[in-house]
Each structure stands twice: as structure tokens, then as C-alpha cells.
Full PDB file with SEQRES, HELIX, SHEET, SSBOND, CRYST1, ORIGX, SCALE, CONECT and MASTER records, all heavy atoms in Angstrom:
SEQRES   1 A   36  LEU SER ILE ALA TRP ILE LEU PRO ASN TRP GLN ALA LEU          
SEQRES   2 A   36  LYS PHE SER GLN TRP GLY VAL LEU ILE GLY ALA VAL THR          
SEQRES   3 A   36  SER ALA THR VAL LEU THR TYR MET ILE GLY                      
HELIX    1 AA1 ALA A    4  ILE A    6  5                                   3    
HELIX    2 AA2 PRO A    8  LEU A   13  5                                   6    
HELIX    3 AA3 TRP A   18  TYR A   33  1                                  16    
CRYST1    1.000    1.000    1.000  90.00  90.00  90.00 P 1           1          
ORIGX1      1.000000  0.000000  0.000000        0.00000                         
ORIGX2      0.000000  1.000000  0.000000        0.00000                         
ORIGX3      0.000000  0.000000  1.000000        0.00000                         
SCALE1      1.000000  0.000000  0.000000        0.00000                         
SCALE2      0.000000  1.000000  0.000000        0.00000                         
SCALE3      0.000000  0.000000  1.000000        0.00000                         
ATOM      1  N   LEU A   1     -38.351 -29.684  34.928  1.00  0.00           N  
ATOM      2  CA  LEU A   1     -37.849 -31.118  34.892  1.00  0.00           C  
ATOM      3  C   LEU A   1     -39.061 -31.997  34.825  1.00  0.00           C  
ATOM      4  O   LEU A   1     -39.012 -33.024  34.151  1.00  0.00           O  
ATOM      5  CB  LEU A   1     -37.189 -31.341  36.306  1.00  0.00           C  
ATOM      6  CG  LEU A   1     -35.748 -30.681  36.498  1.00  0.00           C  
ATOM      7  CD1 LEU A   1     -35.273 -30.904  37.911  1.00  0.00           C  
ATOM      8  CD2 LEU A   1     -34.767 -31.298  35.559  1.00  0.00           C  
ATOM      9  N   SER A   2     -40.278 -31.661  35.457  1.00  0.00           N  
ATOM     10  CA  SER A   2     -41.451 -32.486  35.274  1.00  0.00           C  
ATOM     11  C   SER A   2     -41.931 -32.490  33.860  1.00  0.00           C  
ATOM     12  O   SER A   2     -42.326 -33.502  33.393  1.00  0.00           O  
ATOM     13  CB  SER A   2     -42.537 -31.830  36.210  1.00  0.00           C  
ATOM     14  OG  SER A   2     -42.215 -31.827  37.538  1.00  0.00           O  
ATOM     15  N   ILE A   3     -41.777 -31.449  33.084  1.00  0.00           N  
ATOM     16  CA  ILE A   3     -42.289 -31.416  31.688  1.00  0.00           C  
ATOM     17  C   ILE A   3     -41.293 -32.279  30.939  1.00  0.00           C  
ATOM     18  O   ILE A   3     -41.663 -32.987  29.974  1.00  0.00           O  
ATOM     19  CB  ILE A   3     -42.300 -29.918  31.241  1.00  0.00           C  
ATOM     20  CG1 ILE A   3     -43.456 -29.149  31.873  1.00  0.00           C  
ATOM     21  CG2 ILE A   3     -42.354 -29.847  29.702  1.00  0.00           C  
ATOM     22  CD1 ILE A   3     -43.467 -27.638  31.441  1.00  0.00           C  
ATOM     23  N   ALA A   4     -40.037 -32.238  31.233  1.00  0.00           N  
ATOM     24  CA  ALA A   4     -39.046 -32.908  30.426  1.00  0.00           C  
ATOM     25  C   ALA A   4     -39.353 -34.433  30.509  1.00  0.00           C  
ATOM     26  O   ALA A   4     -39.101 -35.186  29.410  1.00  0.00           O  
ATOM     27  CB  ALA A   4     -37.669 -32.718  31.021  1.00  0.00           C  
ATOM     28  N   TRP A   5     -39.828 -34.921  31.615  1.00  0.00           N  
ATOM     29  CA  TRP A   5     -40.134 -36.391  31.637  1.00  0.00           C  
ATOM     30  C   TRP A   5     -41.302 -36.805  30.765  1.00  0.00           C  
ATOM     31  O   TRP A   5     -41.341 -38.076  30.495  1.00  0.00           O  
ATOM     32  CB  TRP A   5     -40.516 -36.741  33.111  1.00  0.00           C  
ATOM     33  CG  TRP A   5     -39.278 -37.048  33.940  1.00  0.00           C  
ATOM     34  CD1 TRP A   5     -38.653 -36.138  34.888  1.00  0.00           C  
ATOM     35  CD2 TRP A   5     -38.518 -38.225  34.054  1.00  0.00           C  
ATOM     36  NE1 TRP A   5     -37.536 -36.718  35.410  1.00  0.00           N  
ATOM     37  CE2 TRP A   5     -37.369 -37.992  34.918  1.00  0.00           C  
ATOM     38  CE3 TRP A   5     -38.558 -39.505  33.400  1.00  0.00           C  
ATOM     39  CZ2 TRP A   5     -36.484 -38.959  35.212  1.00  0.00           C  
ATOM     40  CZ3 TRP A   5     -37.623 -40.375  33.724  1.00  0.00           C  
ATOM     41  CH2 TRP A   5     -36.532 -40.181  34.620  1.00  0.00           C  
ATOM     42  N   ILE A   6     -42.199 -35.952  30.330  1.00  0.00           N  
ATOM     43  CA  ILE A   6     -43.339 -36.381  29.617  1.00  0.00           C  
ATOM     44  C   ILE A   6     -43.081 -36.049  28.108  1.00  0.00           C  
ATOM     45  O   ILE A   6     -44.105 -36.315  27.292  1.00  0.00           O  
ATOM     46  CB  ILE A   6     -44.633 -35.791  30.112  1.00  0.00           C  
ATOM     47  CG1 ILE A   6     -44.615 -34.272  29.984  1.00  0.00           C  
ATOM     48  CG2 ILE A   6     -44.806 -36.191  31.509  1.00  0.00           C  
ATOM     49  CD1 ILE A   6     -45.934 -33.625  30.370  1.00  0.00           C  
ATOM     50  N   LEU A   7     -42.044 -35.530  27.644  1.00  0.00           N  
ATOM     51  CA  LEU A   7     -41.844 -35.199  26.308  1.00  0.00           C  
ATOM     52  C   LEU A   7     -41.622 -36.361  25.449  1.00  0.00           C  
ATOM     53  O   LEU A   7     -41.249 -37.358  25.839  1.00  0.00           O  
ATOM     54  CB  LEU A   7     -40.697 -34.236  26.145  1.00  0.00           C  
ATOM     55  CG  LEU A   7     -40.841 -32.776  26.783  1.00  0.00           C  
ATOM     56  CD1 LEU A   7     -39.620 -32.003  26.631  1.00  0.00           C  
ATOM     57  CD2 LEU A   7     -42.073 -32.109  26.270  1.00  0.00           C  
ATOM     58  N   PRO A   8     -41.911 -36.271  24.134  1.00  0.00           N  
ATOM     59  CA  PRO A   8     -41.861 -37.328  23.219  1.00  0.00           C  
ATOM     60  C   PRO A   8     -40.591 -37.963  23.087  1.00  0.00           C  
ATOM     61  O   PRO A   8     -40.528 -39.247  22.617  1.00  0.00           O  
ATOM     62  CB  PRO A   8     -42.255 -36.787  21.867  1.00  0.00           C  
ATOM     63  CG  PRO A   8     -43.035 -35.502  22.270  1.00  0.00           C  
ATOM     64  CD  PRO A   8     -42.432 -34.899  23.372  1.00  0.00           C  
ATOM     65  N   ASN A   9     -39.520 -37.414  23.545  1.00  0.00           N  
ATOM     66  CA  ASN A   9     -38.153 -38.063  23.323  1.00  0.00           C  
ATOM     67  C   ASN A   9     -38.015 -39.288  24.158  1.00  0.00           C  
ATOM     68  O   ASN A   9     -37.087 -40.127  23.959  1.00  0.00           O  
ATOM     69  CB  ASN A   9     -37.010 -37.103  23.698  1.00  0.00           C  
ATOM     70  CG  ASN A   9     -37.158 -36.425  25.161  1.00  0.00           C  
ATOM     71  OD1 ASN A   9     -38.195 -35.944  25.412  1.00  0.00           O  
ATOM     72  ND2 ASN A   9     -36.098 -36.786  25.891  1.00  0.00           N  
ATOM     73  N   TRP A  10     -38.917 -39.457  25.130  1.00  0.00           N  
ATOM     74  CA  TRP A  10     -38.794 -40.742  25.902  1.00  0.00           C  
ATOM     75  C   TRP A  10     -39.625 -41.865  25.261  1.00  0.00           C  
ATOM     76  O   TRP A  10     -39.539 -43.005  25.711  1.00  0.00           O  
ATOM     77  CB  TRP A  10     -39.433 -40.484  27.294  1.00  0.00           C  
ATOM     78  CG  TRP A  10     -38.622 -39.636  28.193  1.00  0.00           C  
ATOM     79  CD1 TRP A  10     -38.901 -38.244  28.476  1.00  0.00           C  
ATOM     80  CD2 TRP A  10     -37.359 -39.884  28.761  1.00  0.00           C  
ATOM     81  NE1 TRP A  10     -37.945 -37.709  29.119  1.00  0.00           N  
ATOM     82  CE2 TRP A  10     -36.972 -38.672  29.445  1.00  0.00           C  
ATOM     83  CE3 TRP A  10     -36.495 -40.941  28.833  1.00  0.00           C  
ATOM     84  CZ2 TRP A  10     -35.786 -38.720  30.172  1.00  0.00           C  
ATOM     85  CZ3 TRP A  10     -35.449 -40.962  29.494  1.00  0.00           C  
ATOM     86  CH2 TRP A  10     -35.068 -39.779  30.193  1.00  0.00           C  
ATOM     87  N   GLN A  11     -40.315 -41.605  24.089  1.00  0.00           N  
ATOM     88  CA  GLN A  11     -41.169 -42.653  23.650  1.00  0.00           C  
ATOM     89  C   GLN A  11     -40.359 -43.842  23.044  1.00  0.00           C  
ATOM     90  O   GLN A  11     -40.924 -44.986  22.943  1.00  0.00           O  
ATOM     91  CB  GLN A  11     -42.122 -42.066  22.503  1.00  0.00           C  
ATOM     92  CG  GLN A  11     -43.171 -41.092  23.033  1.00  0.00           C  
ATOM     93  CD  GLN A  11     -44.234 -40.905  22.127  1.00  0.00           C  
ATOM     94  OE1 GLN A  11     -44.538 -41.650  21.254  1.00  0.00           O  
ATOM     95  NE2 GLN A  11     -44.939 -39.720  22.437  1.00  0.00           N  
ATOM     96  N   ALA A  12     -39.069 -43.655  22.630  1.00  0.00           N  
ATOM     97  CA  ALA A  12     -38.228 -44.654  22.182  1.00  0.00           C  
ATOM     98  C   ALA A  12     -38.186 -45.755  23.356  1.00  0.00           C  
ATOM     99  O   ALA A  12     -38.055 -46.911  22.917  1.00  0.00           O  
ATOM    100  CB  ALA A  12     -36.859 -44.177  21.728  1.00  0.00           C  
ATOM    101  N   LEU A  13     -38.216 -45.351  24.630  1.00  0.00           N  
ATOM    102  CA  LEU A  13     -38.208 -46.234  25.728  1.00  0.00           C  
ATOM    103  C   LEU A  13     -39.545 -46.601  26.182  1.00  0.00           C  
ATOM    104  O   LEU A  13     -39.732 -47.209  27.202  1.00  0.00           O  
ATOM    105  CB  LEU A  13     -37.308 -45.636  26.804  1.00  0.00           C  
ATOM    106  CG  LEU A  13     -35.806 -45.542  26.489  1.00  0.00           C  
ATOM    107  CD1 LEU A  13     -35.126 -44.779  27.689  1.00  0.00           C  
ATOM    108  CD2 LEU A  13     -35.203 -46.870  26.248  1.00  0.00           C  
ATOM    109  N   LYS A  14     -40.558 -46.119  25.505  1.00  0.00           N  
ATOM    110  CA  LYS A  14     -41.987 -46.352  25.888  1.00  0.00           C  
ATOM    111  C   LYS A  14     -42.322 -45.683  27.229  1.00  0.00           C  
ATOM    112  O   LYS A  14     -43.204 -46.136  27.937  1.00  0.00           O  
ATOM    113  CB  LYS A  14     -42.446 -47.729  25.843  1.00  0.00           C  
ATOM    114  CG  LYS A  14     -42.353 -48.352  24.379  1.00  0.00           C  
ATOM    115  CD  LYS A  14     -42.856 -49.716  24.413  1.00  0.00           C  
ATOM    116  CE  LYS A  14     -42.853 -50.359  22.931  1.00  0.00           C  
ATOM    117  NZ  LYS A  14     -43.653 -49.657  22.014  1.00  0.00           N  
ATOM    118  N   PHE A  15     -41.510 -44.638  27.579  1.00  0.00           N  
ATOM    119  CA  PHE A  15     -41.715 -44.008  28.942  1.00  0.00           C  
ATOM    120  C   PHE A  15     -42.996 -43.153  28.899  1.00  0.00           C  
ATOM    121  O   PHE A  15     -43.247 -42.556  29.969  1.00  0.00           O  
ATOM    122  CB  PHE A  15     -40.448 -43.087  29.296  1.00  0.00           C  
ATOM    123  CG  PHE A  15     -39.471 -43.957  29.953  1.00  0.00           C  
ATOM    124  CD1 PHE A  15     -39.343 -45.321  29.869  1.00  0.00           C  
ATOM    125  CD2 PHE A  15     -38.484 -43.300  30.632  1.00  0.00           C  
ATOM    126  CE1 PHE A  15     -38.389 -46.015  30.437  1.00  0.00           C  
ATOM    127  CE2 PHE A  15     -37.381 -44.012  31.246  1.00  0.00           C  
ATOM    128  CZ  PHE A  15     -37.364 -45.382  31.153  1.00  0.00           C  
ATOM    129  N   SER A  16     -43.672 -43.056  27.807  1.00  0.00           N  
ATOM    130  CA  SER A  16     -44.966 -42.409  27.837  1.00  0.00           C  
ATOM    131  C   SER A  16     -46.104 -43.221  28.435  1.00  0.00           C  
ATOM    132  O   SER A  16     -47.196 -42.768  28.499  1.00  0.00           O  
ATOM    133  CB  SER A  16     -45.335 -41.889  26.361  1.00  0.00           C  
ATOM    134  OG  SER A  16     -45.366 -43.013  25.533  1.00  0.00           O  
ATOM    135  N   GLN A  17     -45.710 -44.436  28.713  1.00  0.00           N  
ATOM    136  CA  GLN A  17     -46.835 -45.359  29.189  1.00  0.00           C  
ATOM    137  C   GLN A  17     -46.628 -45.573  30.683  1.00  0.00           C  
ATOM    138  O   GLN A  17     -45.483 -45.721  31.187  1.00  0.00           O  
ATOM    139  CB  GLN A  17     -46.607 -46.834  28.497  1.00  0.00           C  
ATOM    140  CG  GLN A  17     -46.856 -46.789  26.975  1.00  0.00           C  
ATOM    141  CD  GLN A  17     -46.564 -48.119  26.367  1.00  0.00           C  
ATOM    142  OE1 GLN A  17     -46.395 -49.050  27.021  1.00  0.00           O  
ATOM    143  NE2 GLN A  17     -46.604 -48.164  25.087  1.00  0.00           N  
ATOM    144  N   TRP A  18     -47.713 -45.499  31.487  1.00  0.00           N  
ATOM    145  CA  TRP A  18     -47.565 -45.352  32.876  1.00  0.00           C  
ATOM    146  C   TRP A  18     -46.899 -46.619  33.457  1.00  0.00           C  
ATOM    147  O   TRP A  18     -46.022 -46.365  34.306  1.00  0.00           O  
ATOM    148  CB  TRP A  18     -49.075 -45.379  33.430  1.00  0.00           C  
ATOM    149  CG  TRP A  18     -49.115 -45.240  34.909  1.00  0.00           C  
ATOM    150  CD1 TRP A  18     -49.179 -44.078  35.669  1.00  0.00           C  
ATOM    151  CD2 TRP A  18     -49.117 -46.239  35.964  1.00  0.00           C  
ATOM    152  NE1 TRP A  18     -49.249 -44.355  37.000  1.00  0.00           N  
ATOM    153  CE2 TRP A  18     -49.116 -45.690  37.223  1.00  0.00           C  
ATOM    154  CE3 TRP A  18     -49.069 -47.612  35.827  1.00  0.00           C  
ATOM    155  CZ2 TRP A  18     -49.216 -46.393  38.353  1.00  0.00           C  
ATOM    156  CZ3 TRP A  18     -49.080 -48.391  36.998  1.00  0.00           C  
ATOM    157  CH2 TRP A  18     -49.102 -47.789  38.267  1.00  0.00           C  
ATOM    158  N   GLY A  19     -47.118 -47.719  32.926  1.00  0.00           N  
ATOM    159  CA  GLY A  19     -46.631 -48.985  33.396  1.00  0.00           C  
ATOM    160  C   GLY A  19     -45.092 -49.061  33.270  1.00  0.00           C  
ATOM    161  O   GLY A  19     -44.466 -49.819  34.026  1.00  0.00           O  
ATOM    162  N   VAL A  20     -44.555 -48.353  32.395  1.00  0.00           N  
ATOM    163  CA  VAL A  20     -43.049 -48.331  32.194  1.00  0.00           C  
ATOM    164  C   VAL A  20     -42.455 -47.183  32.969  1.00  0.00           C  
ATOM    165  O   VAL A  20     -41.361 -47.321  33.639  1.00  0.00           O  
ATOM    166  CB  VAL A  20     -42.625 -48.212  30.600  1.00  0.00           C  
ATOM    167  CG1 VAL A  20     -41.146 -48.183  30.515  1.00  0.00           C  
ATOM    168  CG2 VAL A  20     -43.342 -49.436  29.893  1.00  0.00           C  
ATOM    169  N   LEU A  21     -43.095 -46.022  32.913  1.00  0.00           N  
ATOM    170  CA  LEU A  21     -42.466 -44.851  33.490  1.00  0.00           C  
ATOM    171  C   LEU A  21     -42.396 -44.986  34.949  1.00  0.00           C  
ATOM    172  O   LEU A  21     -41.314 -44.583  35.615  1.00  0.00           O  
ATOM    173  CB  LEU A  21     -43.441 -43.626  33.303  1.00  0.00           C  
ATOM    174  CG  LEU A  21     -42.915 -42.197  33.749  1.00  0.00           C  
ATOM    175  CD1 LEU A  21     -41.540 -42.053  33.278  1.00  0.00           C  
ATOM    176  CD2 LEU A  21     -43.855 -41.188  33.214  1.00  0.00           C  
ATOM    177  N   ILE A  22     -43.338 -45.684  35.741  1.00  0.00           N  
ATOM    178  CA  ILE A  22     -43.292 -45.872  37.151  1.00  0.00           C  
ATOM    179  C   ILE A  22     -42.113 -46.768  37.539  1.00  0.00           C  
ATOM    180  O   ILE A  22     -41.509 -46.664  38.615  1.00  0.00           O  
ATOM    181  CB  ILE A  22     -44.579 -46.437  37.665  1.00  0.00           C  
ATOM    182  CG1 ILE A  22     -45.120 -47.749  37.050  1.00  0.00           C  
ATOM    183  CG2 ILE A  22     -45.675 -45.327  37.684  1.00  0.00           C  
ATOM    184  CD1 ILE A  22     -44.598 -48.936  37.730  1.00  0.00           C  
ATOM    185  N   GLY A  23     -41.632 -47.665  36.667  1.00  0.00           N  
ATOM    186  CA  GLY A  23     -40.489 -48.484  36.927  1.00  0.00           C  
ATOM    187  C   GLY A  23     -39.257 -47.663  37.073  1.00  0.00           C  
ATOM    188  O   GLY A  23     -38.500 -47.757  38.037  1.00  0.00           O  
ATOM    189  N   ALA A  24     -39.169 -46.587  36.187  1.00  0.00           N  
ATOM    190  CA  ALA A  24     -37.929 -45.766  36.321  1.00  0.00           C  
ATOM    191  C   ALA A  24     -38.084 -44.832  37.536  1.00  0.00           C  
ATOM    192  O   ALA A  24     -37.084 -44.551  38.237  1.00  0.00           O  
ATOM    193  CB  ALA A  24     -37.972 -44.780  35.002  1.00  0.00           C  
ATOM    194  N   VAL A  25     -39.285 -44.340  37.872  1.00  0.00           N  
ATOM    195  CA  VAL A  25     -39.362 -43.491  39.016  1.00  0.00           C  
ATOM    196  C   VAL A  25     -39.131 -44.427  40.399  1.00  0.00           C  
ATOM    197  O   VAL A  25     -38.434 -43.837  41.249  1.00  0.00           O  
ATOM    198  CB  VAL A  25     -40.888 -42.990  39.172  1.00  0.00           C  
ATOM    199  CG1 VAL A  25     -41.138 -42.209  40.338  1.00  0.00           C  
ATOM    200  CG2 VAL A  25     -41.257 -42.257  37.864  1.00  0.00           C  
ATOM    201  N   THR A  26     -39.632 -45.569  40.379  1.00  0.00           N  
ATOM    202  CA  THR A  26     -39.338 -46.468  41.539  1.00  0.00           C  
ATOM    203  C   THR A  26     -37.919 -46.666  41.699  1.00  0.00           C  
ATOM    204  O   THR A  26     -37.414 -46.430  42.907  1.00  0.00           O  
ATOM    205  CB  THR A  26     -40.028 -47.690  41.362  1.00  0.00           C  
ATOM    206  OG1 THR A  26     -41.539 -47.531  41.217  1.00  0.00           O  
ATOM    207  CG2 THR A  26     -39.871 -48.695  42.627  1.00  0.00           C  
ATOM    208  N   SER A  27     -37.177 -47.133  40.807  1.00  0.00           N  
ATOM    209  CA  SER A  27     -35.772 -47.265  40.863  1.00  0.00           C  
ATOM    210  C   SER A  27     -35.078 -46.045  41.162  1.00  0.00           C  
ATOM    211  O   SER A  27     -34.182 -46.103  42.170  1.00  0.00           O  
ATOM    212  CB  SER A  27     -35.184 -47.892  39.548  1.00  0.00           C  
ATOM    213  OG  SER A  27     -33.816 -48.382  39.818  1.00  0.00           O  
ATOM    214  N   ALA A  28     -35.348 -44.944  40.552  1.00  0.00           N  
ATOM    215  CA  ALA A  28     -34.679 -43.529  40.897  1.00  0.00           C  
ATOM    216  C   ALA A  28     -34.876 -43.308  42.340  1.00  0.00           C  
ATOM    217  O   ALA A  28     -33.955 -42.738  43.064  1.00  0.00           O  
ATOM    218  CB  ALA A  28     -35.081 -42.587  40.011  1.00  0.00           C  
ATOM    219  N   THR A  29     -36.041 -43.453  42.881  1.00  0.00           N  
ATOM    220  CA  THR A  29     -36.393 -43.110  44.203  1.00  0.00           C  
ATOM    221  C   THR A  29     -35.734 -43.986  45.246  1.00  0.00           C  
ATOM    222  O   THR A  29     -35.258 -43.468  46.228  1.00  0.00           O  
ATOM    223  CB  THR A  29     -38.043 -43.139  44.469  1.00  0.00           C  
ATOM    224  OG1 THR A  29     -38.584 -42.317  43.451  1.00  0.00           O  
ATOM    225  CG2 THR A  29     -38.346 -42.583  45.888  1.00  0.00           C  
ATOM    226  N   VAL A  30     -35.683 -45.195  45.032  1.00  0.00           N  
ATOM    227  CA  VAL A  30     -35.062 -46.201  45.959  1.00  0.00           C  
ATOM    228  C   VAL A  30     -33.569 -45.994  45.907  1.00  0.00           C  
ATOM    229  O   VAL A  30     -32.886 -46.216  46.820  1.00  0.00           O  
ATOM    230  CB  VAL A  30     -35.506 -47.612  45.625  1.00  0.00           C  
ATOM    231  CG1 VAL A  30     -34.913 -48.474  46.664  1.00  0.00           C  
ATOM    232  CG2 VAL A  30     -37.060 -47.674  45.798  1.00  0.00           C  
ATOM    233  N   LEU A  31     -33.061 -45.573  44.747  1.00  0.00           N  
ATOM    234  CA  LEU A  31     -31.570 -45.189  44.714  1.00  0.00           C  
ATOM    235  C   LEU A  31     -31.238 -44.033  45.767  1.00  0.00           C  
ATOM    236  O   LEU A  31     -30.183 -43.924  46.223  1.00  0.00           O  
ATOM    237  CB  LEU A  31     -31.181 -44.837  43.411  1.00  0.00           C  
ATOM    238  CG  LEU A  31     -30.851 -45.904  42.402  1.00  0.00           C  
ATOM    239  CD1 LEU A  31     -30.762 -45.381  40.857  1.00  0.00           C  
ATOM    240  CD2 LEU A  31     -29.657 -46.704  42.788  1.00  0.00           C  
ATOM    241  N   THR A  32     -32.276 -43.219  45.986  1.00  0.00           N  
ATOM    242  CA  THR A  32     -32.197 -42.227  46.936  1.00  0.00           C  
ATOM    243  C   THR A  32     -32.326 -42.859  48.406  1.00  0.00           C  
ATOM    244  O   THR A  32     -31.631 -42.429  49.296  1.00  0.00           O  
ATOM    245  CB  THR A  32     -33.241 -41.180  46.677  1.00  0.00           C  
ATOM    246  OG1 THR A  32     -33.179 -40.511  45.360  1.00  0.00           O  
ATOM    247  CG2 THR A  32     -33.052 -39.956  47.799  1.00  0.00           C  
ATOM    248  N   TYR A  33     -33.371 -43.682  48.564  1.00  0.00           N  
ATOM    249  CA  TYR A  33     -33.600 -44.220  49.864  1.00  0.00           C  
ATOM    250  C   TYR A  33     -32.649 -45.115  50.407  1.00  0.00           C  
ATOM    251  O   TYR A  33     -32.381 -45.155  51.585  1.00  0.00           O  
ATOM    252  CB  TYR A  33     -34.986 -44.955  49.851  1.00  0.00           C  
ATOM    253  CG  TYR A  33     -36.135 -44.196  49.680  1.00  0.00           C  
ATOM    254  CD1 TYR A  33     -37.404 -44.789  49.219  1.00  0.00           C  
ATOM    255  CD2 TYR A  33     -36.193 -42.818  49.748  1.00  0.00           C  
ATOM    256  CE1 TYR A  33     -38.506 -44.110  49.149  1.00  0.00           C  
ATOM    257  CE2 TYR A  33     -37.342 -42.071  49.447  1.00  0.00           C  
ATOM    258  CZ  TYR A  33     -38.565 -42.751  49.211  1.00  0.00           C  
ATOM    259  OH  TYR A  33     -39.651 -42.011  49.043  1.00  0.00           O  
ATOM    260  N   MET A  34     -31.924 -45.859  49.548  1.00  0.00           N  
ATOM    261  CA  MET A  34     -31.164 -47.141  50.001  1.00  0.00           C  
ATOM    262  C   MET A  34     -29.946 -46.685  50.932  1.00  0.00           C  
ATOM    263  O   MET A  34     -29.528 -47.471  51.710  1.00  0.00           O  
ATOM    264  CB  MET A  34     -30.592 -47.882  48.707  1.00  0.00           C  
ATOM    265  CG  MET A  34     -29.747 -47.262  47.808  1.00  0.00           C  
ATOM    266  SD  MET A  34     -28.033 -47.128  48.365  1.00  0.00           S  
ATOM    267  CE  MET A  34     -27.353 -46.192  47.151  1.00  0.00           C  
ATOM    268  N   ILE A  35     -29.521 -45.473  50.833  1.00  0.00           N  
ATOM    269  CA  ILE A  35     -28.444 -45.057  51.707  1.00  0.00           C  
ATOM    270  C   ILE A  35     -28.868 -44.625  53.081  1.00  0.00           C  
ATOM    271  O   ILE A  35     -28.073 -44.541  54.045  1.00  0.00           O  
ATOM    272  CB  ILE A  35     -27.662 -43.840  51.036  1.00  0.00           C  
ATOM    273  CG1 ILE A  35     -26.292 -43.780  51.670  1.00  0.00           C  
ATOM    274  CG2 ILE A  35     -28.422 -42.520  51.250  1.00  0.00           C  
ATOM    275  CD1 ILE A  35     -25.432 -42.602  50.993  1.00  0.00           C  
ATOM    276  N   GLY A  36     -30.140 -44.512  53.287  1.00  0.00           N  
ATOM    277  CA  GLY A  36     -30.714 -44.182  54.568  1.00  0.00           C  
ATOM    278  C   GLY A  36     -30.247 -45.118  55.676  1.00  0.00           C  
ATOM    279  O   GLY A  36     -29.776 -44.726  56.805  1.00  0.00           O  
TER     280      GLY A  36                                                      
MASTER        0    0    0    3    0    0    0    6  279    1    0    3          
END                                                                             
């Protein structure tokens, strides 16, 4: 799963750039936290 996130298929969304990828990680993580 970790390798899948860095593969070139995400480049269409520019997810290969740190500043964009962390937005996806933040939202996905807080989607986990918010039910706490």
C-alpha cells in the first residue's frame, strides 16, 4: 500500500509533490479521527 501511493499513476493529481500529497493524508487521517 505504501508503494502504491508513490507510483506515477498519481501524477495526474500531482500527488507526487509533497505539498499536495500531505493534503490527502491529512484529510484521510482526520476522517478516521473525527468519530472519536
